[in-house]
Amino acid sequence: MARHTLIDELRKQKNHQHEAIEQLAAPYNQAEDSLLNQFNLALQQLPFEQKEAFVLQQESFSLQQIADITHTEIETVKSRLRYAKNSLSQQLESYHD
């Protein structure tokens, strides 16, 4: 129950952050907007566990806190973060090719 509540809260924060990012990005050129859109698409395509770990880390949760929230081991969190970052990196690199 607490995990679902946290996820709901993260989604609300993400929506607010997304709106703020869009407002800040408005003056930039279309290429930069496209990169932001590409990042958001790449983030959405991550498996839930990887996205969850990545978003929690971006919200400044420690590895131990993320492990506690997700009921996993720290090494599992590290793996999920590594896979998430590699996937995001690969997807963004393919965008530039």
Protein backbone atom coordinates (compact mmCIF):
# COMPACT_ATOMS: atom_id res chain seq x y z
CA MET A 1 0.00 0.00 0.00
CA ALA A 2 2.76 2.43 0.94
CA ARG A 3 4.62 1.59 -2.26
CA HIS A 4 1.56 2.39 -4.38
CA THR A 5 1.07 5.64 -2.48
CA LEU A 6 4.72 6.56 -3.12
CA ILE A 7 4.38 5.70 -6.81
CA ASP A 8 1.26 7.85 -7.07
CA GLU A 9 3.10 10.71 -5.41
CA LEU A 10 6.06 10.29 -7.76
CA ARG A 11 3.71 10.42 -10.73
CA LYS A 12 2.16 13.64 -9.43
CA GLN A 13 5.61 15.16 -8.92
CA LYS A 14 6.70 13.96 -12.34
CA ASN A 15 3.71 15.68 -13.93
CA HIS A 16 4.52 18.90 -12.10
CA GLN A 17 8.18 18.61 -13.04
CA HIS A 18 7.27 17.88 -16.65
CA GLU A 19 5.12 21.03 -16.76
CA ALA A 20 7.93 23.08 -15.24
CA ILE A 21 10.46 21.64 -17.67
CA GLU A 22 8.19 22.46 -20.61
CA GLN A 23 7.86 26.06 -19.43
CA LEU A 24 11.62 26.39 -19.06
CA ALA A 25 12.28 24.75 -22.43
CA ALA A 26 9.90 27.03 -24.35
CA PRO A 27 12.55 29.62 -25.28
CA TYR A 28 14.96 26.98 -26.58
CA ASN A 29 15.07 25.85 -30.18
CA GLN A 30 13.18 22.89 -31.56
CA ALA A 31 16.22 20.58 -31.47
CA GLU A 32 16.50 20.94 -27.71
CA ASP A 33 12.77 20.38 -27.33
CA SER A 34 13.12 17.26 -29.45
CA LEU A 35 15.91 15.98 -27.20
CA LEU A 36 13.73 16.50 -24.13
CA ASN A 37 10.88 14.68 -25.82
CA GLN A 38 13.24 11.87 -26.82
CA PHE A 39 14.44 11.56 -23.20
CA ASN A 40 10.87 11.40 -21.92
CA LEU A 41 10.01 8.73 -24.49
CA ALA A 42 13.11 6.76 -23.56
CA LEU A 43 12.24 7.03 -19.88
CA GLN A 44 8.70 5.80 -20.51
CA GLN A 45 10.03 2.73 -22.34
CA LEU A 46 12.09 1.52 -19.38
CA PRO A 47 10.75 -1.48 -17.47
CA PHE A 48 8.87 -0.36 -14.36
CA GLU A 49 11.54 -1.49 -11.87
CA GLN A 50 14.29 0.38 -13.70
CA LYS A 51 12.18 3.51 -14.13
CA GLU A 52 11.18 3.39 -10.48
CA ALA A 53 14.79 3.18 -9.30
CA PHE A 54 15.91 5.90 -11.71
CA VAL A 55 13.14 8.31 -10.75
CA LEU A 56 13.71 7.72 -7.04
CA GLN A 57 17.41 8.42 -7.48
CA GLN A 58 16.60 11.61 -9.38
CA GLU A 59 14.42 12.58 -6.43
CA SER A 60 17.61 12.35 -4.28
CA PHE A 61 16.78 9.11 -2.49
CA SER A 62 19.86 7.18 -1.39
CA LEU A 63 20.53 3.64 -2.61
CA GLN A 64 19.53 2.32 0.81
CA GLN A 65 16.29 4.30 0.77
CA ILE A 66 15.47 3.04 -2.73
CA ALA A 67 16.18 -0.52 -1.59
CA ASP A 68 13.87 -0.04 1.40
CA ILE A 69 11.09 1.49 -0.71
CA THR A 70 11.27 -1.24 -3.36
CA HIS A 71 11.89 -4.08 -0.87
CA THR A 72 15.04 -5.16 -2.68
CA GLU A 73 18.74 -5.41 -1.99
CA ILE A 74 21.08 -2.49 -2.68
CA GLU A 75 22.87 -4.55 -5.34
CA THR A 76 19.54 -5.04 -7.12
CA VAL A 77 18.97 -1.29 -7.03
CA LYS A 78 22.45 -0.69 -8.44
CA SER A 79 21.78 -3.15 -11.26
CA ARG A 80 18.44 -1.56 -12.09
CA LEU A 81 20.04 1.87 -12.17
CA ARG A 82 22.89 0.66 -14.36
CA TYR A 83 20.48 -0.97 -16.83
CA ALA A 84 18.25 2.12 -16.84
CA LYS A 85 21.14 4.50 -17.49
CA ASN A 86 22.61 2.25 -20.20
CA SER A 87 19.24 1.97 -21.91
CA LEU A 88 18.63 5.72 -21.77
CA SER A 89 22.11 6.39 -23.07
CA GLN A 90 21.72 3.95 -25.98
CA GLN A 91 18.33 5.35 -26.93
CA LEU A 92 19.56 8.92 -26.85
CA GLU A 93 22.69 8.02 -28.85
CA SER A 94 20.53 6.39 -31.53
CA TYR A 95 18.53 9.62 -31.69
CA HIS A 96 21.67 11.53 -32.70
CA ASP A 97 22.71 9.00 -35.35
